[in-house]
Amino acid sequence: MLSLPTSDSPLRELFDVAELAAMAAPGNRQNMPTFRDVRLKAPSFFASEPAARSFHAIVVRADGQLWLVRFGRKGGWKRLWNFGQLY
């Protein structure tokens, strides 16, 4: 069971709960973006969006945990929420 931020948390505005549920469905898990993939694609995102300072993504870690992560323009990242174990 995935853990969600409370409904009054500002983190809830950073993702769509229905989209998260669809992504985490057993049939779609193999298509989930990995932390490594998103981190490697971040420079091309910032190159195409010069005004963007950061972006948020839901990623699956190698250990099966599902995280909400903020990626910054200079290559930094921060875990904002751990939804829990996906697998």
Protein backbone atom coordinates (compact mmCIF):
# COMPACT_ATOMS: atom_id res chain seq x y z
CA MET A 1 0.00 0.00 0.00
CA LEU A 2 1.40 3.35 -1.03
CA SER A 3 1.55 6.22 1.45
CA LEU A 4 0.24 9.58 0.22
CA PRO A 5 0.78 13.04 1.67
CA THR A 6 -2.23 14.37 3.56
CA SER A 7 -4.89 16.08 1.46
CA ASP A 8 -3.96 19.52 2.85
CA SER A 9 -0.24 19.07 2.12
CA PRO A 10 1.25 21.31 -0.59
CA LEU A 11 2.95 18.20 -1.98
CA ARG A 12 -0.44 16.95 -3.24
CA GLU A 13 -0.42 19.78 -5.78
CA LEU A 14 2.74 18.37 -7.38
CA PHE A 15 1.17 15.16 -8.69
CA ASP A 16 -2.18 13.73 -9.74
CA VAL A 17 -3.36 10.89 -7.48
CA ALA A 18 -5.26 9.18 -10.30
CA GLU A 19 -2.17 9.28 -12.52
CA LEU A 20 -0.06 7.86 -9.68
CA ALA A 21 -2.54 5.01 -9.24
CA ALA A 22 -2.47 4.26 -12.96
CA MET A 23 1.34 4.32 -13.02
CA ALA A 24 1.60 2.00 -10.02
CA ALA A 25 -0.86 -0.55 -11.42
CA PRO A 26 0.84 -3.94 -11.90
CA GLY A 27 0.47 -3.82 -15.70
CA ASN A 28 2.15 -0.42 -15.96
CA ARG A 29 5.03 -0.82 -13.52
CA GLN A 30 7.56 -1.81 -16.15
CA ASN A 31 6.96 1.56 -17.86
CA MET A 32 7.61 3.68 -14.78
CA PRO A 33 10.49 6.15 -15.06
CA THR A 34 13.51 5.20 -13.00
CA PHE A 35 15.41 7.72 -10.92
CA ARG A 36 18.48 7.23 -13.10
CA ASP A 37 16.58 7.75 -16.36
CA VAL A 38 14.96 10.98 -15.19
CA ARG A 39 18.20 12.30 -13.76
CA LEU A 40 19.99 11.67 -17.07
CA LYS A 41 17.21 13.37 -19.06
CA ALA A 42 17.08 16.45 -16.81
CA PRO A 43 19.75 18.44 -18.73
CA SER A 44 17.84 18.11 -22.00
CA PHE A 45 14.64 19.24 -20.27
CA PHE A 46 16.34 22.36 -18.92
CA ALA A 47 17.93 23.05 -22.32
CA SER A 48 14.48 23.01 -23.91
CA GLU A 49 12.85 25.02 -21.09
CA PRO A 50 15.21 27.93 -20.29
CA ALA A 51 12.80 29.54 -17.81
CA ALA A 52 12.36 26.40 -15.69
CA ARG A 53 14.18 26.36 -12.36
CA SER A 54 13.20 22.81 -11.40
CA PHE A 55 10.80 20.01 -12.21
CA HIS A 56 9.11 17.26 -10.25
CA ALA A 57 8.85 13.60 -11.15
CA ILE A 58 7.59 10.39 -9.62
CA VAL A 59 10.35 7.82 -10.01
CA VAL A 60 10.96 4.24 -9.00
CA ARG A 61 14.24 3.51 -7.25
CA ALA A 62 16.33 0.38 -7.78
CA ASP A 63 15.09 -1.02 -4.45
CA GLY A 64 11.45 -0.68 -5.55
CA GLN A 65 10.58 2.46 -3.60
CA LEU A 66 8.46 5.10 -5.29
CA TRP A 67 9.64 8.68 -4.71
CA LEU A 68 8.47 12.17 -5.60
CA VAL A 69 11.66 14.04 -6.49
CA ARG A 70 12.50 17.63 -7.39
CA PHE A 71 15.33 17.98 -9.92
CA GLY A 72 17.18 21.28 -10.16
CA ARG A 73 18.80 23.09 -13.02
CA LYS A 74 22.35 22.62 -11.65
CA GLY A 75 22.03 18.84 -11.35
CA GLY A 76 20.87 18.66 -7.75
CA TRP A 77 17.86 16.68 -6.59
CA LYS A 78 15.80 16.30 -3.45
CA ARG A 79 13.39 13.59 -2.37
CA LEU A 80 10.14 15.31 -1.42
CA TRP A 81 8.09 12.23 -0.57
CA ASN A 82 8.55 8.48 -0.26
CA PHE A 83 5.36 6.71 -1.30
CA GLY A 84 6.76 3.39 -0.09
CA GLN A 85 7.64 0.06 -1.58
CA LEU A 86 6.18 -0.53 -5.03
CA TYR A 87 7.26 -4.14 -5.52
